Structures are given as C-alpha cells and as structure tokens.
C-alpha cells in the first residue's frame, strides 16, 4: 500500500463517518421532539386526573354525579 492510497482510504473513512453522523442527526432530533410531546401529554393527563379528583360528586340540587375515579 502506498502513501497516496492510504490518504484516500483515510478520506473515505472520514467521509463515511460524517455521512453516518448526518443521517443519525435528524433521527435524534425526532426522538427528542417525541419525548417532549410525551412529557407534555403526561403532565396534561396528571392535571386532568387532579381536576377530576378535586371535583365534588354532589351537585347543588343534591343529586349525585357519576365520576369513575377508578380509571
């Protein structure tokens, strides 16, 4: 193997590594965005559960309301 072919191999290897990184970057962004969405949805769900639990099941006229708190 001569020096010029080694340099070419080195450049090819660097190019391959750069291309692999650039292909994974959009995937990493997508995963981060999905995690943020899931975290926001989880927080909203927790707030809804708290709201449901804080509401009285007896109305002003004395009639009850059905609230399934077991779900």
Protein backbone atom coordinates (compact mmCIF):
# COMPACT_ATOMS: atom_id res chain seq x y z
CA UNK A 1 0.00 0.00 0.00
CA UNK A 2 1.48 3.32 -0.96
CA UNK A 3 1.03 6.63 0.81
CA UNK A 4 -1.46 8.08 -1.68
CA UNK A 5 -3.85 5.15 -1.35
CA UNK A 6 -3.65 5.41 2.44
CA UNK A 7 -4.66 9.06 2.30
CA UNK A 8 -7.56 8.16 0.03
CA UNK A 9 -8.65 5.42 2.43
CA UNK A 10 -8.43 7.84 5.35
CA UNK A 11 -10.56 10.40 3.49
CA UNK A 12 -13.09 7.74 2.56
CA UNK A 13 -13.33 6.59 6.16
CA UNK A 14 -13.79 10.16 7.41
CA UNK A 15 -16.44 10.78 4.76
CA UNK A 16 -18.29 7.60 5.74
CA UNK A 17 -18.24 8.57 9.43
CA UNK A 18 -19.52 12.07 8.62
CA UNK A 19 -22.35 10.71 6.47
CA UNK A 20 -23.40 8.26 9.19
CA UNK A 21 -23.48 11.07 11.74
CA UNK A 22 -25.51 13.35 9.48
CA UNK A 23 -28.05 10.55 8.89
CA UNK A 24 -28.50 9.98 12.63
CA UNK A 25 -28.88 13.66 13.50
CA UNK A 26 -32.47 14.04 12.19
CA UNK A 27 -33.39 10.82 13.98
CA UNK A 28 -32.01 12.16 17.25
CA UNK A 29 -33.99 15.38 16.80
CA UNK A 30 -37.15 13.40 16.12
CA UNK A 31 -36.67 11.30 19.24
CA UNK A 32 -36.11 14.41 21.35
CA UNK A 33 -39.27 16.05 19.97
CA UNK A 34 -41.33 12.92 20.63
CA UNK A 35 -40.03 12.79 24.21
CA UNK A 36 -41.05 16.42 24.76
CA UNK A 37 -44.53 15.68 23.39
CA UNK A 38 -44.89 12.61 25.61
CA UNK A 39 -43.78 14.57 28.67
CA UNK A 40 -46.31 17.32 27.91
CA UNK A 41 -49.11 14.77 27.43
CA UNK A 42 -48.19 13.04 30.67
CA UNK A 43 -48.33 16.36 32.53
CA UNK A 44 -51.72 17.18 30.98
CA UNK A 45 -53.06 13.75 31.95
CA UNK A 46 -51.86 14.21 35.53
CA UNK A 47 -53.56 17.61 35.70
CA UNK A 48 -56.82 16.14 34.37
CA UNK A 49 -56.74 13.39 36.99
CA UNK A 50 -56.17 16.00 39.71
CA UNK A 51 -59.08 18.09 38.36
CA UNK A 52 -61.40 15.06 38.31
CA UNK A 53 -60.39 14.08 41.83
CA UNK A 54 -60.94 17.62 43.14
CA UNK A 55 -64.49 17.94 41.78
CA UNK A 56 -67.26 17.14 44.25
CA UNK A 57 -69.59 14.37 43.15
CA UNK A 58 -72.62 16.07 44.78
CA UNK A 59 -74.34 18.82 42.79
CA UNK A 60 -76.14 21.85 44.25
CA UNK A 61 -79.56 20.17 43.96
CA UNK A 62 -78.37 17.17 45.97
CA UNK A 63 -78.25 14.81 43.02
CA UNK A 64 -75.08 12.85 42.57
CA UNK A 65 -72.87 12.64 39.54
CA UNK A 66 -71.15 9.54 38.34
CA UNK A 67 -67.43 10.02 38.15
CA UNK A 68 -65.44 6.89 37.55
CA UNK A 69 -62.28 7.64 39.53
CA UNK A 70 -61.03 4.06 39.21
CA UNK A 71 -59.89 4.54 35.60
